[in-house]
Amino acid sequence: MTMTKPTIVRESDAKVFYEGPELCREYLRNDDLWFGSSLVQPGETGAVDPGHADSWEIFYCVAGEGIIDDGENEYPLRAGDTLAIPPTIPHRIHNRGTEPVLMVWAGGPGENVA
């Protein structure tokens, strides 16, 4: 997506790319960054993201409580908490609570994919 001015991306226009225990929406992806959200229902675990070769990814917990694991460690997040994941680190979201957990995420530099 090439943008030359501020642009609103409505939830209905976001790309849904994974529906299952984790509902993922991607709002933006270009050569500089990507941005999206993951909603994980109580008792569910999201898919493993294999990590990004040259990019950092930031997770911000908007609502609920969730755990992100990297295969070796778990990082509990509550609403208002952020986790920074260095390049190449696989990760996934767990919701062991009783309320849905909503995480927004962004990464960069961007990785355009087909």
PDB file of N, CA and C in Angstrom:
ATOM      1  N   MET A   1       0.850  -1.168   0.000  1.00  0.00           N
ATOM      2  CA  MET A   1       0.000   0.000   0.000  1.00  0.00           C
ATOM      3  C   MET A   1       0.898   1.235   0.000  1.00  0.00           C
ATOM      4  N   THR A   2       0.806   2.027  -1.034  1.00  0.00           N
ATOM      5  CA  THR A   2       1.546   3.281  -1.102  1.00  0.00           C
ATOM      6  C   THR A   2       0.619   4.397  -0.654  1.00  0.00           C
ATOM      7  N   MET A   3       1.095   5.176   0.302  1.00  0.00           N
ATOM      8  CA  MET A   3       0.272   6.263   0.825  1.00  0.00           C
ATOM      9  C   MET A   3       1.055   7.559   0.720  1.00  0.00           C
ATOM     10  N   THR A   4       0.374   8.597   0.260  1.00  0.00           N
ATOM     11  CA  THR A   4       1.001   9.913   0.173  1.00  0.00           C
ATOM     12  C   THR A   4       0.284  10.927   1.055  1.00  0.00           C
ATOM     13  N   LYS A   5      -0.769  10.477   1.756  1.00  0.00           N
ATOM     14  CA  LYS A   5      -1.495  11.337   2.680  1.00  0.00           C
ATOM     15  C   LYS A   5      -2.089  10.444   3.767  1.00  0.00           C
ATOM     16  N   PRO A   6      -2.529  11.020   4.877  1.00  0.00           N
ATOM     17  CA  PRO A   6      -3.168  10.213   5.913  1.00  0.00           C
ATOM     18  C   PRO A   6      -4.347   9.427   5.330  1.00  0.00           C
ATOM     19  N   THR A   7      -4.461   8.184   5.755  1.00  0.00           N
ATOM     20  CA  THR A   7      -5.475   7.297   5.199  1.00  0.00           C
ATOM     21  C   THR A   7      -6.158   6.516   6.320  1.00  0.00           C
ATOM     22  N   ILE A   8      -7.461   6.499   6.311  1.00  0.00           N
ATOM     23  CA  ILE A   8      -8.225   5.688   7.259  1.00  0.00           C
ATOM     24  C   ILE A   8      -8.395   4.299   6.660  1.00  0.00           C
ATOM     25  N   VAL A   9      -8.112   3.276   7.461  1.00  0.00           N
ATOM     26  CA  VAL A   9      -8.397   1.903   7.063  1.00  0.00           C
ATOM     27  C   VAL A   9      -9.435   1.373   8.040  1.00  0.00           C
ATOM     28  N   ARG A  10     -10.622   1.131   7.555  1.00  0.00           N
ATOM     29  CA  ARG A  10     -11.711   0.638   8.389  1.00  0.00           C
ATOM     30  C   ARG A  10     -11.499  -0.838   8.709  1.00  0.00           C
ATOM     31  N   GLU A  11     -12.019  -1.249   9.870  1.00  0.00           N
ATOM     32  CA  GLU A  11     -11.921  -2.659  10.244  1.00  0.00           C
ATOM     33  C   GLU A  11     -12.451  -3.552   9.124  1.00  0.00           C
ATOM     34  N   SER A  12     -13.536  -3.139   8.505  1.00  0.00           N
ATOM     35  CA  SER A  12     -14.136  -3.932   7.416  1.00  0.00           C
ATOM     36  C   SER A  12     -13.237  -4.010   6.181  1.00  0.00           C
ATOM     37  N   ASP A  13     -12.266  -3.101   6.061  1.00  0.00           N
ATOM     38  CA  ASP A  13     -11.350  -3.107   4.926  1.00  0.00           C
ATOM     39  C   ASP A  13     -10.024  -3.805   5.235  1.00  0.00           C
ATOM     40  N   ALA A  14      -9.791  -4.131   6.502  1.00  0.00           N
ATOM     41  CA  ALA A  14      -8.548  -4.807   6.880  1.00  0.00           C
ATOM     42  C   ALA A  14      -8.552  -6.223   6.308  1.00  0.00           C
ATOM     43  N   LYS A  15      -7.376  -6.705   5.997  1.00  0.00           N
ATOM     44  CA  LYS A  15      -7.217  -8.052   5.446  1.00  0.00           C
ATOM     45  C   LYS A  15      -7.272  -9.063   6.596  1.00  0.00           C
ATOM     46  N   VAL A  16      -8.270  -9.942   6.579  1.00  0.00           N
ATOM     47  CA  VAL A  16      -8.342 -11.031   7.554  1.00  0.00           C
ATOM     48  C   VAL A  16      -7.525 -12.171   6.964  1.00  0.00           C
ATOM     49  N   PHE A  17      -6.451 -12.557   7.653  1.00  0.00           N
ATOM     50  CA  PHE A  17      -5.592 -13.591   7.083  1.00  0.00           C
ATOM     51  C   PHE A  17      -5.488 -14.851   7.912  1.00  0.00           C
ATOM     52  N   TYR A  18      -6.114 -14.872   9.070  1.00  0.00           N
ATOM     53  CA  TYR A  18      -6.149 -16.103   9.853  1.00  0.00           C
ATOM     54  C   TYR A  18      -7.397 -16.079  10.710  1.00  0.00           C
ATOM     55  N   GLU A  19      -8.260 -17.042  10.488  1.00  0.00           N
ATOM     56  CA  GLU A  19      -9.458 -17.168  11.310  1.00  0.00           C
ATOM     57  C   GLU A  19      -9.435 -18.557  11.921  1.00  0.00           C
ATOM     58  N   GLY A  20      -9.498 -18.611  13.194  1.00  0.00           N
ATOM     59  CA  GLY A  20      -9.453 -19.855  13.952  1.00  0.00           C
ATOM     60  C   GLY A  20      -9.426 -19.442  15.397  1.00  0.00           C
ATOM     61  N   PRO A  21      -8.542 -20.039  16.183  1.00  0.00           N
ATOM     62  CA  PRO A  21      -8.458 -19.611  17.571  1.00  0.00           C
ATOM     63  C   PRO A  21      -7.948 -18.164  17.699  1.00  0.00           C
ATOM     64  N   GLU A  22      -7.357 -17.650  16.637  1.00  0.00           N
ATOM     65  CA  GLU A  22      -6.842 -16.274  16.616  1.00  0.00           C
ATOM     66  C   GLU A  22      -7.389 -15.591  15.365  1.00  0.00           C
ATOM     67  N   LEU A  23      -8.065 -14.470  15.557  1.00  0.00           N
ATOM     68  CA  LEU A  23      -8.558 -13.696  14.419  1.00  0.00           C
ATOM     69  C   LEU A  23      -7.562 -12.580  14.155  1.00  0.00           C
ATOM     70  N   CYS A  24      -6.896 -12.649  13.014  1.00  0.00           N
ATOM     71  CA  CYS A  24      -5.861 -11.656  12.664  1.00  0.00           C
ATOM     72  C   CYS A  24      -6.365 -10.749  11.557  1.00  0.00           C
ATOM     73  N   ARG A  25      -6.162  -9.466  11.767  1.00  0.00           N
ATOM     74  CA  ARG A  25      -6.476  -8.455  10.757  1.00  0.00           C
ATOM     75  C   ARG A  25      -5.218  -7.647  10.489  1.00  0.00           C
ATOM     76  N   GLU A  26      -4.899  -7.471   9.226  1.00  0.00           N
ATOM     77  CA  GLU A  26      -3.778  -6.615   8.862  1.00  0.00           C
ATOM     78  C   GLU A  26      -4.344  -5.352   8.220  1.00  0.00           C
ATOM     79  N   TYR A  27      -3.998  -4.213   8.805  1.00  0.00           N
ATOM     80  CA  TYR A  27      -4.505  -2.931   8.341  1.00  0.00           C
ATOM     81  C   TYR A  27      -3.560  -2.257   7.358  1.00  0.00           C
ATOM     82  N   LEU A  28      -2.274  -2.535   7.496  1.00  0.00           N
ATOM     83  CA  LEU A  28      -1.284  -1.847   6.675  1.00  0.00           C
ATOM     84  C   LEU A  28      -0.045  -2.710   6.541  1.00  0.00           C
ATOM     85  N   ARG A  29       0.514  -2.732   5.338  1.00  0.00           N
ATOM     86  CA  ARG A  29       1.811  -3.367   5.100  1.00  0.00           C
ATOM     87  C   ARG A  29       2.450  -2.650   3.916  1.00  0.00           C
ATOM     88  N   ASN A  30       3.678  -2.186   4.126  1.00  0.00           N
ATOM     89  CA  ASN A  30       4.445  -1.595   3.033  1.00  0.00           C
ATOM     90  C   ASN A  30       5.933  -1.840   3.295  1.00  0.00           C
ATOM     91  N   ASP A  31       6.800  -1.158   2.566  1.00  0.00           N
ATOM     92  CA  ASP A  31       8.239  -1.376   2.713  1.00  0.00           C
ATOM     93  C   ASP A  31       8.800  -0.861   4.029  1.00  0.00           C
ATOM     94  N   ASP A  32       8.019  -0.058   4.749  1.00  0.00           N
ATOM     95  CA  ASP A  32       8.496   0.526   5.996  1.00  0.00           C
ATOM     96  C   ASP A  32       7.995  -0.196   7.244  1.00  0.00           C
ATOM     97  N   LEU A  33       6.746  -0.671   7.216  1.00  0.00           N
ATOM     98  CA  LEU A  33       6.173  -1.282   8.412  1.00  0.00           C
ATOM     99  C   LEU A  33       4.930  -2.084   8.077  1.00  0.00           C
ATOM    100  N   TRP A  34       4.451  -2.825   9.082  1.00  0.00           N
ATOM    101  CA  TRP A  34       3.147  -3.458   9.012  1.00  0.00           C
ATOM    102  C   TRP A  34       2.446  -3.229  10.338  1.00  0.00           C
ATOM    103  N   PHE A  35       1.095  -3.298  10.296  1.00  0.00           N
ATOM    104  CA  PHE A  35       0.298  -3.045  11.498  1.00  0.00           C
ATOM    105  C   PHE A  35      -0.970  -3.868  11.426  1.00  0.00           C
ATOM    106  N   GLY A  36      -1.324  -4.494  12.552  1.00  0.00           N
ATOM    107  CA  GLY A  36      -2.547  -5.283  12.582  1.00  0.00           C
ATOM    108  C   GLY A  36      -2.976  -5.600  13.997  1.00  0.00           C
ATOM    109  N   SER A  37      -3.921  -6.531  14.103  1.00  0.00           N
ATOM    110  CA  SER A  37      -4.432  -6.928  15.410  1.00  0.00           C
ATOM    111  C   SER A  37      -4.689  -8.421  15.444  1.00  0.00           C
ATOM    112  N   SER A  38      -4.660  -8.955  16.665  1.00  0.00           N
ATOM    113  CA  SER A  38      -5.000 -10.360  16.917  1.00  0.00           C
ATOM    114  C   SER A  38      -5.978 -10.404  18.074  1.00  0.00           C
ATOM    115  N   LEU A  39      -7.072 -11.118  17.871  1.00  0.00           N
ATOM    116  CA  LEU A  39      -8.066 -11.336  18.907  1.00  0.00           C
ATOM    117  C   LEU A  39      -8.076 -12.821  19.228  1.00  0.00           C
ATOM    118  N   VAL A  40      -7.810 -13.159  20.491  1.00  0.00           N
ATOM    119  CA  VAL A  40      -7.762 -14.557  20.916  1.00  0.00           C
ATOM    120  C   VAL A  40      -8.794 -14.753  22.024  1.00  0.00           C
ATOM    121  N   GLN A  41      -9.664 -15.727  21.820  1.00  0.00           N
ATOM    122  CA  GLN A  41     -10.738 -15.998  22.766  1.00  0.00           C
ATOM    123  C   GLN A  41     -10.211 -16.762  23.981  1.00  0.00           C
ATOM    124  N   PRO A  42     -10.949 -16.725  25.098  1.00  0.00           N
ATOM    125  CA  PRO A  42     -10.530 -17.434  26.308  1.00  0.00           C
ATOM    126  C   PRO A  42     -10.258 -18.921  26.038  1.00  0.00           C
ATOM    127  N   GLY A  43      -9.162 -19.418  26.603  1.00  0.00           N
ATOM    128  CA  GLY A  43      -8.796 -20.823  26.466  1.00  0.00           C
ATOM    129  C   GLY A  43      -8.132 -21.183  25.158  1.00  0.00           C
ATOM    130  N   GLU A  44      -7.934 -20.229  24.270  1.00  0.00           N
ATOM    131  CA  GLU A  44      -7.374 -20.504  22.943  1.00  0.00           C
ATOM    132  C   GLU A  44      -5.910 -20.073  22.847  1.00  0.00           C
ATOM    133  N   THR A  45      -5.230 -20.630  21.861  1.00  0.00           N
ATOM    134  CA  THR A  45      -3.843 -20.276  21.539  1.00  0.00           C
ATOM    135  C   THR A  45      -3.774 -19.959  20.059  1.00  0.00           C
ATOM    136  N   GLY A  46      -3.107 -18.870  19.721  1.00  0.00           N
ATOM    137  CA  GLY A  46      -2.966 -18.479  18.329  1.00  0.00           C
ATOM    138  C   GLY A  46      -1.895 -19.276  17.606  1.00  0.00           C
ATOM    139  N   ALA A  47      -1.779 -19.007  16.336  1.00  0.00           N
ATOM    140  CA  ALA A  47      -0.792 -19.675  15.490  1.00  0.00           C
ATOM    141  C   ALA A  47       0.616 -19.187  15.829  1.00  0.00           C
ATOM    142  N   VAL A  48       1.598 -20.017  15.514  1.00  0.00           N
ATOM    143  CA  VAL A  48       2.997 -19.623  15.701  1.00  0.00           C
ATOM    144  C   VAL A  48       3.414 -18.731  14.539  1.00  0.00           C
ATOM    145  N   ASP A  49       3.892 -17.556  14.859  1.00  0.00           N
ATOM    146  CA  ASP A  49       4.522 -16.679  13.872  1.00  0.00           C
ATOM    147  C   ASP A  49       6.001 -17.045  13.905  1.00  0.00           C
ATOM    148  N   PRO A  50       6.593 -17.435  12.787  1.00  0.00           N
ATOM    149  CA  PRO A  50       7.981 -17.906  12.807  1.00  0.00           C
ATOM    150  C   PRO A  50       9.017 -16.824  13.075  1.00  0.00           C
ATOM    151  N   GLY A  51       8.589 -15.581  13.190  1.00  0.00           N
ATOM    152  CA  GLY A  51       9.536 -14.482  13.377  1.00  0.00           C
ATOM    153  C   GLY A  51       9.852 -13.848  12.039  1.00  0.00           C
ATOM    154  N   HIS A  52      10.583 -12.760  12.098  1.00  0.00           N
ATOM    155  CA  HIS A  52      10.848 -11.970  10.893  1.00  0.00           C
ATOM    156  C   HIS A  52      12.348 -11.766  10.764  1.00  0.00           C
ATOM    157  N   ALA A  53      12.889 -12.144   9.628  1.00  0.00           N
ATOM    158  CA  ALA A  53      14.338 -12.196   9.431  1.00  0.00           C
ATOM    159  C   ALA A  53      15.064 -10.899   9.772  1.00  0.00           C
ATOM    160  N   ASP A  54      14.516  -9.780   9.356  1.00  0.00           N
ATOM    161  CA  ASP A  54      15.217  -8.506   9.528  1.00  0.00           C
ATOM    162  C   ASP A  54      14.383  -7.457  10.248  1.00  0.00           C
ATOM    163  N   SER A  55      13.305  -7.878  10.887  1.00  0.00           N
ATOM    164  CA  SER A  55      12.367  -6.906  11.446  1.00  0.00           C
ATOM    165  C   SER A  55      12.029  -7.190  12.897  1.00  0.00           C
ATOM    166  N   TRP A  56      11.887  -6.126  13.653  1.00  0.00           N
ATOM    167  CA  TRP A  56      11.353  -6.183  15.008  1.00  0.00           C
ATOM    168  C   TRP A  56       9.839  -6.195  14.921  1.00  0.00           C
ATOM    169  N   GLU A  57       9.198  -6.785  15.944  1.00  0.00           N
ATOM    170  CA  GLU A  57       7.747  -6.715  16.042  1.00  0.00           C
ATOM    171  C   GLU A  57       7.389  -6.290  17.466  1.00  0.00           C
ATOM    172  N   ILE A  58       6.423  -5.392  17.568  1.00  0.00           N
ATOM    173  CA  ILE A  58       5.967  -4.867  18.853  1.00  0.00           C
ATOM    174  C   ILE A  58       4.522  -5.309  19.055  1.00  0.00           C
ATOM    175  N   PHE A  59       4.217  -5.852  20.233  1.00  0.00           N
ATOM    176  CA  PHE A  59       2.858  -6.211  20.609  1.00  0.00           C
ATOM    177  C   PHE A  59       2.411  -5.284  21.729  1.00  0.00           C
ATOM    178  N   TYR A  60       1.199  -4.761  21.611  1.00  0.00           N
ATOM    179  CA  TYR A  60       0.592  -3.916  22.635  1.00  0.00           C
ATOM    180  C   TYR A  60      -0.741  -4.558  23.006  1.00  0.00           C
ATOM    181  N   CYS A  61      -0.928  -4.856  24.286  1.00  0.00           N
ATOM    182  CA  CYS A  61      -2.159  -5.465  24.758  1.00  0.00           C
ATOM    183  C   CYS A  61      -3.199  -4.362  24.981  1.00  0.00           C
ATOM    184  N   VAL A  62      -4.241  -4.392  24.177  1.00  0.00           N
ATOM    185  CA  VAL A  62      -5.299  -3.387  24.247  1.00  0.00           C
ATOM    186  C   VAL A  62      -6.327  -3.753  25.308  1.00  0.00           C
ATOM    187  N   ALA A  63      -6.710  -5.026  25.360  1.00  0.00           N
ATOM    188  CA  ALA A  63      -7.750  -5.471  26.294  1.00  0.00           C
ATOM    189  C   ALA A  63      -7.502  -6.911  26.698  1.00  0.00           C
ATOM    190  N   GLY A  64      -7.878  -7.227  27.925  1.00  0.00           N
ATOM    191  CA  GLY A  64      -7.724  -8.582  28.429  1.00  0.00           C
ATOM    192  C   GLY A  64      -6.319  -8.841  28.949  1.00  0.00           C
ATOM    193  N   GLU A  65      -6.029 -10.109  29.134  1.00  0.00           N
ATOM    194  CA  GLU A  65      -4.706 -10.550  29.565  1.00  0.00           C
ATOM    195  C   GLU A  65      -4.282 -11.712  28.685  1.00  0.00           C
ATOM    196  N   GLY A  66      -3.080 -11.643  28.174  1.00  0.00           N
ATOM    197  CA  GLY A  66      -2.578 -12.701  27.310  1.00  0.00           C
ATOM    198  C   GLY A  66      -1.130 -13.003  27.621  1.00  0.00           C
ATOM    199  N   ILE A  67      -0.683 -14.107  27.093  1.00  0.00           N
ATOM    200  CA  ILE A  67       0.705 -14.526  27.257  1.00  0.00           C
ATOM    201  C   ILE A  67       1.278 -14.727  25.871  1.00  0.00           C
ATOM    202  N   ILE A  68       2.443 -14.159  25.627  1.00  0.00           N
ATOM    203  CA  ILE A  68       3.170 -14.430  24.390  1.00  0.00           C
ATOM    204  C   ILE A  68       4.350 -15.301  24.774  1.00  0.00           C
ATOM    205  N   ASP A  69       4.517 -16.392  24.019  1.00  0.00           N
ATOM    206  CA  ASP A  69       5.677 -17.247  24.287  1.00  0.00           C
ATOM    207  C   ASP A  69       6.580 -17.270  23.064  1.00  0.00           C
ATOM    208  N   ASP A  70       7.862 -17.519  23.326  1.00  0.00           N
ATOM    209  CA  ASP A  70       8.846 -17.596  22.243  1.00  0.00           C
ATOM    210  C   ASP A  70       9.412 -19.008  22.106  1.00  0.00           C
ATOM    211  N   GLY A  71       8.713 -19.990  22.658  1.00  0.00           N
ATOM    212  CA  GLY A  71       9.172 -21.367  22.614  1.00  0.00           C
ATOM    213  C   GLY A  71       9.997 -21.757  23.828  1.00  0.00           C
ATOM    214  N   GLU A  72      10.530 -20.760  24.525  1.00  0.00           N
ATOM    215  CA  GLU A  72      11.328 -21.018  25.727  1.00  0.00           C
ATOM    216  C   GLU A  72      10.811 -20.252  26.937  1.00  0.00           C
ATOM    217  N   ASN A  73      10.318 -19.051  26.714  1.00  0.00           N
ATOM    218  CA  ASN A  73       9.871 -18.173  27.799  1.00  0.00           C
ATOM    219  C   ASN A  73       8.460 -17.684  27.519  1.00  0.00           C
ATOM    220  N   GLU A  74       7.747 -17.358  28.612  1.00  0.00           N
ATOM    221  CA  GLU A  74       6.421 -16.762  28.496  1.00  0.00           C
ATOM    222  C   GLU A  74       6.464 -15.335  29.018  1.00  0.00           C
ATOM    223  N   TYR A  75       5.728 -14.452  28.339  1.00  0.00           N
ATOM    224  CA  TYR A  75       5.691 -13.038  28.681  1.00  0.00           C
ATOM    225  C   TYR A  75       4.236 -12.634  28.894  1.00  0.00           C
ATOM    226  N   PRO A  76       3.783 -12.541  30.156  1.00  0.00           N
ATOM    227  CA  PRO A  76       2.394 -12.170  30.428  1.00  0.00           C
ATOM    228  C   PRO A  76       2.171 -10.675  30.192  1.00  0.00           C
ATOM    229  N   LEU A  77       1.099 -10.357  29.490  1.00  0.00           N
ATOM    230  CA  LEU A  77       0.756  -8.968  29.190  1.00  0.00           C
ATOM    231  C   LEU A  77      -0.670  -8.686  29.624  1.00  0.00           C
ATOM    232  N   ARG A  78      -0.861  -7.526  30.244  1.00  0.00           N
ATOM    233  CA  ARG A  78      -2.184  -7.017  30.587  1.00  0.00           C
ATOM    234  C   ARG A  78      -2.421  -5.765  29.747  1.00  0.00           C
ATOM    235  N   ALA A  79      -3.653  -5.320  29.717  1.00  0.00           N
ATOM    236  CA  ALA A  79      -3.986  -4.105  28.965  1.00  0.00           C
ATOM    237  C   ALA A  79      -3.023  -2.987  29.347  1.00  0.00           C
ATOM    238  N   GLY A  80      -2.415  -2.386  28.344  1.00  0.00           N
ATOM    239  CA  GLY A  80      -1.456  -1.304  28.556  1.00  0.00           C
ATOM    240  C   GLY A  80      -0.008  -1.739  28.478  1.00  0.00           C
ATOM    241  N   ASP A  81       0.255  -3.060  28.470  1.00  0.00           N
ATOM    242  CA  ASP A  81       1.635  -3.568  28.405  1.00  0.00           C
ATOM    243  C   ASP A  81       2.077  -3.778  26.961  1.00  0.00           C
ATOM    244  N   THR A  82       3.395  -3.695  26.752  1.00  0.00           N
ATOM    245  CA  THR A  82       4.000  -3.870  25.436  1.00  0.00           C
ATOM    246  C   THR A  82       5.135  -4.870  25.518  1.00  0.00           C
ATOM    247  N   LEU A  83       5.299  -5.655  24.452  1.00  0.00           N
ATOM    248  CA  LEU A  83       6.416  -6.592  24.329  1.00  0.00           C
ATOM    249  C   LEU A  83       7.100  -6.344  22.998  1.00  0.00           C
ATOM    250  N   ALA A  84       8.422  -6.186  23.024  1.00  0.00           N
ATOM    251  CA  ALA A  84       9.220  -6.021  21.805  1.00  0.00           C
ATOM    252  C   ALA A  84       9.897  -7.358  21.499  1.00  0.00           C
ATOM    253  N   ILE A  85       9.743  -7.827  20.267  1.00  0.00           N
ATOM    254  CA  ILE A  85      10.314  -9.111  19.855  1.00  0.00           C
ATOM    255  C   ILE A  85      11.375  -8.852  18.793  1.00  0.00           C
ATOM    256  N   PRO A  86      12.629  -9.237  19.080  1.00  0.00           N
ATOM    257  CA  PRO A  86      13.715  -9.039  18.110  1.00  0.00           C
ATOM    258  C   PRO A  86      13.529  -9.905  16.859  1.00  0.00           C
ATOM    259  N   PRO A  87      14.245  -9.582  15.783  1.00  0.00           N
ATOM    260  CA  PRO A  87      14.177 -10.379  14.562  1.00  0.00           C
ATOM    261  C   PRO A  87      14.450 -11.864  14.839  1.00  0.00           C
ATOM    262  N   THR A  88      13.814 -12.692  14.053  1.00  0.00           N
ATOM    263  CA  THR A  88      13.965 -14.158  13.976  1.00  0.00           C
ATOM    264  C   THR A  88      13.338 -14.943  15.127  1.00  0.00           C
ATOM    265  N   ILE A  89      12.746 -14.304  16.125  1.00  0.00           N
ATOM    266  CA  ILE A  89      12.214 -15.024  17.280  1.00  0.00           C
ATOM    267  C   ILE A  89      10.769 -15.476  16.995  1.00  0.00           C
ATOM    268  N   PRO A  90      10.510 -16.790  16.978  1.00  0.00           N
ATOM    269  CA  PRO A  90       9.125 -17.264  16.815  1.00  0.00           C
ATOM    270  C   PRO A  90       8.297 -16.881  18.044  1.00  0.00           C
ATOM    271  N   HIS A  91       6.985 -16.719  17.846  1.00  0.00           N
ATOM    272  CA  HIS A  91       6.127 -16.308  18.954  1.00  0.00           C
ATOM    273  C   HIS A  91       4.669 -16.649  18.663  1.00  0.00           C
ATOM    274  N   ARG A  92       3.873 -16.735  19.750  1.00  0.00           N
ATOM    275  CA  ARG A  92       2.434 -16.963  19.627  1.00  0.00           C
ATOM    276  C   ARG A  92       1.738 -16.419  20.867  1.00  0.00           C
ATOM    277  N   ILE A  93       0.428 -16.213  20.742  1.00  0.00           N
ATOM    278  CA  ILE A  93      -0.377 -15.637  21.812  1.00  0.00           C
ATOM    279  C   ILE A  93      -1.238 -16.723  22.438  1.00  0.00           C
ATOM    280  N   HIS A  94      -1.269 -16.748  23.774  1.00  0.00           N
ATOM    281  CA  HIS A  94      -2.149 -17.639  24.535  1.00  0.00           C
ATOM    282  C   HIS A  94      -3.130 -16.779  25.323  1.00  0.00           C
ATOM    283  N   ASN A  95      -4.360 -17.255  25.444  1.00  0.00           N
ATOM    284  CA  ASN A  95      -5.329 -16.601  26.323  1.00  0.00           C
ATOM    285  C   ASN A  95      -5.787 -17.640  27.340  1.00  0.00           C
ATOM    286  N   ARG A  96      -5.242 -17.559  28.535  1.00  0.00           N
ATOM    287  CA  ARG A  96      -5.613 -18.477  29.606  1.00  0.00           C
ATOM    288  C   ARG A  96      -6.632 -17.840  30.554  1.00  0.00           C
ATOM    289  N   GLY A  97      -7.102 -16.650  30.188  1.00  0.00           N
ATOM    290  CA  GLY A  97      -8.055 -15.925  31.019  1.00  0.00           C
ATOM    291  C   GLY A  97      -9.494 -16.250  30.669  1.00  0.00           C
ATOM    292  N   THR A  98     -10.391 -15.420  31.174  1.00  0.00           N
ATOM    293  CA  THR A  98     -11.822 -15.623  30.967  1.00  0.00           C
ATOM    294  C   THR A  98     -12.442 -14.584  30.028  1.00  0.00           C
ATOM    295  N   GLU A  99     -11.648 -13.626  29.588  1.00  0.00           N
ATOM    296  CA  GLU A  99     -12.110 -12.584  28.673  1.00  0.00           C
ATOM    297  C   GLU A  99     -11.263 -12.634  27.398  1.00  0.00           C
ATOM    298  N   PRO A 100     -11.816 -12.198  26.265  1.00  0.00           N
ATOM    299  CA  PRO A 100     -10.997 -12.138  25.048  1.00  0.00           C
ATOM    300  C   PRO A 100      -9.780 -11.233  25.253  1.00  0.00           C
ATOM    301  N   VAL A 101      -8.691 -11.550  24.584  1.00  0.00           N
ATOM    302  CA  VAL A 101      -7.512 -10.682  24.617  1.00  0.00           C
ATOM    303  C   VAL A 101      -7.334 -10.097  23.218  1.00  0.00           C
ATOM    304  N   LEU A 102      -7.124  -8.784  23.184  1.00  0.00           N
ATOM    305  CA  LEU A 102      -6.879  -8.087  21.923  1.00  0.00           C
ATOM    306  C   LEU A 102      -5.487  -7.492  21.966  1.00  0.00           C
ATOM    307  N   MET A 103      -4.659  -7.913  21.015  1.00  0.00           N
ATOM    308  CA  MET A 103      -3.311  -7.372  20.865  1.00  0.00           C
ATOM    309  C   MET A 103      -3.243  -6.652  19.527  1.00  0.00           C
ATOM    310  N   VAL A 104      -2.584  -5.507  19.517  1.00  0.00           N
ATOM    311  CA  VAL A 104      -2.228  -4.887  18.244  1.00  0.00           C
ATOM    312  C   VAL A 104      -0.732  -5.058  18.084  1.00  0.00           C
ATOM    313  N   TRP A 105      -0.303  -5.149  16.837  1.00  0.00           N
ATOM    314  CA  TRP A 105       1.105  -5.387  16.578  1.00  0.00           C
ATOM    315  C   TRP A 105       1.557  -4.564  15.377  1.00  0.00           C
ATOM    316  N   ALA A 106       2.836  -4.270  15.426  1.00  0.00           N
ATOM    317  CA  ALA A 106       3.460  -3.527  14.332  1.00  0.00           C
ATOM    318  C   ALA A 106       4.885  -4.025  14.200  1.00  0.00           C
ATOM    319  N   GLY A 107       5.410  -3.937  13.012  1.00  0.00           N
ATOM    320  CA  GLY A 107       6.778  -4.368  12.797  1.00  0.00           C
ATOM    321  C   GLY A 107       7.472  -3.512  11.766  1.00  0.00           C
ATOM    322  N   GLY A 108       8.774  -3.557  11.801  1.00  0.00           N
ATOM    323  CA  GLY A 108       9.529  -2.821  10.816  1.00  0.00           C
ATOM    324  C   GLY A 108      11.012  -3.149  10.924  1.00  0.00           C
ATOM    325  N   PRO A 109      11.783  -2.946   9.909  1.00  0.00           N
ATOM    326  CA  PRO A 109      11.307  -2.451   8.615  1.00  0.00           C
ATOM    327  C   PRO A 109      10.320  -3.424   7.985  1.00  0.00           C
ATOM    328  N   GLY A 110       9.572  -2.926   7.019  1.00  0.00           N
ATOM    329  CA  GLY A 110       8.500  -3.708   6.415  1.00  0.00           C
ATOM    330  C   GLY A 110       8.990  -4.923   5.668  1.00  0.00           C
ATOM    331  N   GLU A 111       8.050  -5.813   5.438  1.00  0.00           N
ATOM    332  CA  GLU A 111       8.305  -7.031   4.665  1.00  0.00           C
ATOM    333  C   GLU A 111       7.119  -7.204   3.734  1.00  0.00           C
ATOM    334  N   ASN A 112       7.234  -6.763   2.511  1.00  0.00           N
ATOM    335  CA  ASN A 112       6.141  -6.973   1.574  1.00  0.00           C
ATOM    336  C   ASN A 112       6.104  -8.426   1.187  1.00  0.00           C
ATOM    337  N   VAL A 113       4.923  -8.997   1.275  1.00  0.00           N
ATOM    338  CA  VAL A 113       4.713 -10.393   0.883  1.00  0.00           C
ATOM    339  C   VAL A 113       3.640 -10.442  -0.168  1.00  0.00           C
ATOM    340  N   ALA A 114       3.699 -11.459  -0.976  1.00  0.00           N
ATOM    341  CA  ALA A 114       2.720 -11.592  -2.059  1.00  0.00           C
ATOM    342  C   ALA A 114       1.363 -11.984  -1.531  1.00  0.00           C
TER     343      ALA A 114
END
